[in-house]
Each structure stands twice: as structure tokens, then as C-alpha cells.
Amino acid sequence: IPIAIVYGDPCATRKDGVIYYDHGPNCLRFDEPRRVKGIWLYEFERSTFLEDATAVPTKRPSYSSTAWLMYDPEKIDPRPKYNGYASGQECFAIHAFEVDFIGHRSPEGHGHLGLFDSEIWVQQMIAAKPLRSPDCATY
């Protein structure tokens, strides 16, 4: 018998017959906060982060080798620039940033459909520099 069936999930709380799940960093297994730098590629249903990268890669990185970045909308919010399909193309625009922040990583698969190798949550954005974005049709 799985232990969670007997004792419940560690991040579940029962109240009035309803189970509430906490999916925040206090509940999931995250490492200690630290300074992190790299390249962030933001697009529809993707938030790909390449730690220690200094340039946008020439081809799209795989889900399994990258982290999902939970960005800080107070400091970087690509949504105003995100308008669905890229101008004149039938693909979603990709926004690229060089970022430097304080954050912490969960080693478990996360992100859209849980496809990414890990997830990094931004606690404090130090710097964010927009970069030339890859062409979504050829990336």
C-alpha cells in the first residue's frame, strides 16, 4: 500500500471534506536559494532556462535537459510583448533574455505537462537583459 494512501500527501490538507494541495516551494523539494545566471527563452507553454549559458543556443534545447523558469512578473513580464503568433508567421513568438537572479531549484520534473528536467523559482531578479530572439519558424 503506498504510504500516501494511508497518511496523505505531504502537501495535502483536508478541510470540510475537501483536499487542498500546496504546490509552492515550502512543500516541494527545493534546494537552498542561490544566485543563478543564464539564458531564459519564453514562449507559449514554454519557459525554458539554460543555467550558465551566455548566448541563445542555435537550436531549440530539449525539455529533458533544461529547467522550467517560474519568472518574477514584477521584474520581467513578457506578456505585454507576447501577442500569440509571431508577426507574419504561423508560430508562437520566442522571447529571449539573459537573466541574473536569486532562486532555488526543485529536482523534480515540472513545467508544462511536467516535461522539464527541473523547475527554478525566482525569488529576486537582479538583472534581465532582452536578447535577439530566435526565429520561431526555424528554431
Protein backbone atom coordinates (compact mmCIF):
# COMPACT_ATOMS: atom_id res chain seq x y z
CA ILE A 1 0.00 0.00 0.00
CA PRO A 2 1.51 3.37 -0.94
CA ILE A 3 2.24 5.41 2.17
CA ALA A 4 0.38 8.44 0.75
CA ILE A 5 -2.88 6.47 0.72
CA VAL A 6 -2.57 5.83 4.44
CA TYR A 7 -1.09 9.14 5.65
CA GLY A 8 -1.96 11.51 2.79
CA ASP A 9 0.34 13.50 0.57
CA PRO A 10 2.84 15.70 2.45
CA CYS A 11 1.41 18.80 0.77
CA ALA A 12 -2.28 17.99 1.21
CA THR A 13 -4.60 19.49 3.80
CA ARG A 14 -8.13 18.30 4.46
CA LYS A 15 -10.76 20.86 5.39
CA ASP A 16 -14.53 20.27 5.43
CA GLY A 17 -14.14 17.11 3.36
CA VAL A 18 -12.09 18.84 0.65
CA ILE A 19 -8.39 18.19 -0.03
CA TYR A 20 -6.28 21.29 -0.74
CA TYR A 21 -2.82 20.89 -2.28
CA ASP A 22 0.10 23.26 -1.71
CA HIS A 23 2.34 23.33 -4.78
CA GLY A 24 4.65 26.08 -3.51
CA PRO A 25 8.35 25.92 -2.69
CA ASN A 26 7.67 25.30 1.01
CA CYS A 27 6.08 21.98 0.17
CA LEU A 28 8.06 20.71 -2.79
CA ARG A 29 11.68 19.64 -2.55
CA PHE A 30 13.70 22.74 -3.45
CA ASP A 31 17.38 23.34 -2.85
CA GLU A 32 18.64 26.35 -0.90
CA PRO A 33 18.29 29.76 -2.61
CA ARG A 34 21.40 30.82 -4.55
CA ARG A 35 22.48 33.20 -7.29
CA VAL A 36 21.70 31.86 -10.76
CA LYS A 37 22.61 33.21 -14.21
CA GLY A 38 21.72 32.03 -17.68
CA ILE A 39 19.51 32.35 -20.73
CA TRP A 40 15.73 32.27 -20.49
CA LEU A 41 13.55 31.50 -23.52
CA TYR A 42 9.90 32.42 -23.00
CA GLU A 43 7.15 31.41 -25.40
CA PHE A 44 3.64 29.95 -25.39
CA GLU A 45 3.59 26.98 -22.97
CA ARG A 46 7.39 27.08 -22.57
CA SER A 47 9.63 28.82 -20.08
CA THR A 48 13.00 27.26 -20.86
CA PHE A 49 16.00 28.16 -18.71
CA LEU A 50 19.60 27.28 -19.55
CA GLU A 51 21.74 27.78 -16.46
CA ASP A 52 25.22 29.22 -17.06
CA ALA A 53 24.51 29.79 -20.77
CA THR A 54 25.78 33.11 -22.12
CA ALA A 55 24.09 33.10 -25.54
CA VAL A 56 20.87 31.87 -27.10
CA PRO A 57 21.53 28.33 -28.42
CA THR A 58 21.45 27.83 -32.18
CA LYS A 59 18.83 25.08 -31.93
CA ARG A 60 15.95 24.52 -29.53
CA PRO A 61 17.11 22.73 -26.38
CA SER A 62 15.26 19.59 -25.29
CA TYR A 63 12.82 19.63 -22.40
CA SER A 64 14.72 16.93 -20.58
CA SER A 65 17.96 18.92 -20.46
CA THR A 66 16.55 22.24 -19.27
CA ALA A 67 14.65 23.76 -16.37
CA TRP A 68 11.27 25.47 -16.34
CA LEU A 69 11.72 29.02 -15.02
CA MET A 70 8.99 30.45 -12.80
CA TYR A 71 9.68 34.09 -13.59
CA ASP A 72 9.00 37.13 -11.47
CA PRO A 73 6.28 39.17 -13.22
CA GLU A 74 7.13 42.19 -11.04
CA LYS A 75 10.56 42.45 -12.71
CA ILE A 76 10.09 40.76 -16.10
CA ASP A 77 6.74 40.36 -17.71
CA PRO A 78 6.91 39.25 -21.33
CA ARG A 79 3.16 39.08 -21.67
CA PRO A 80 2.65 42.67 -22.95
CA LYS A 81 5.02 41.86 -25.82
CA TYR A 82 3.52 38.41 -26.31
CA ASN A 83 0.78 38.59 -28.90
CA GLY A 84 0.28 34.99 -29.96
CA TYR A 85 1.75 34.19 -33.32
CA ALA A 86 4.90 35.98 -34.41
CA SER A 87 4.26 38.75 -36.90
CA GLY A 88 3.69 37.28 -40.37
CA GLN A 89 4.41 33.70 -39.26
CA GLU A 90 2.35 30.75 -38.11
CA CYS A 91 4.32 30.02 -34.93
CA PHE A 92 4.45 31.46 -31.44
CA ALA A 93 6.99 34.21 -30.83
CA ILE A 94 10.03 33.38 -28.68
CA HIS A 95 11.36 36.00 -26.25
CA ALA A 96 14.98 35.62 -25.11
CA PHE A 97 16.57 37.15 -22.01
CA GLU A 98 19.92 36.99 -20.25
CA VAL A 99 18.96 36.82 -16.56
CA ASP A 100 20.69 37.01 -13.19
CA PHE A 101 18.62 36.26 -10.09
CA ILE A 102 18.38 34.64 -6.68
CA GLY A 103 16.35 31.47 -6.92
CA HIS A 104 16.03 27.84 -5.94
CA ARG A 105 15.61 24.62 -7.90
CA SER A 106 13.40 21.61 -7.49
CA PRO A 107 14.96 18.45 -8.94
CA GLU A 108 11.63 17.01 -9.96
CA GLY A 109 10.15 17.35 -13.44
CA HIS A 110 7.93 20.40 -13.75
CA GLY A 111 6.66 22.98 -16.19
CA HIS A 112 4.14 22.43 -18.92
CA LEU A 113 2.89 18.83 -18.60
CA GLY A 114 5.83 18.06 -16.27
CA LEU A 115 8.17 17.67 -19.25
CA PHE A 116 11.09 19.74 -17.96
CA ASP A 117 14.03 18.26 -16.05
CA SER A 118 13.57 20.63 -13.10
CA GLU A 119 11.97 23.89 -12.06
CA ILE A 120 13.63 27.06 -10.79
CA TRP A 121 11.67 29.67 -8.88
CA VAL A 122 12.89 33.26 -8.96
CA GLN A 123 12.94 34.90 -5.54
CA GLN A 124 14.69 38.13 -6.53
CA MET A 125 15.52 39.30 -10.04
CA ILE A 126 18.89 41.07 -10.14
CA ALA A 127 19.12 41.80 -13.87
CA ALA A 128 17.32 40.94 -17.07
CA LYS A 129 18.56 41.92 -20.50
CA PRO A 130 16.43 41.26 -23.60
CA LEU A 131 18.34 39.43 -26.34
CA ARG A 132 17.72 38.88 -30.02
CA SER A 133 15.12 36.15 -30.17
CA PRO A 134 15.34 33.09 -32.37
CA ASP A 135 13.06 32.82 -35.39
CA CYS A 136 10.20 30.60 -34.23
CA ALA A 137 9.73 29.11 -37.71
CA THR A 138 13.27 27.70 -37.89
CA TYR A 139 14.07 27.12 -34.19
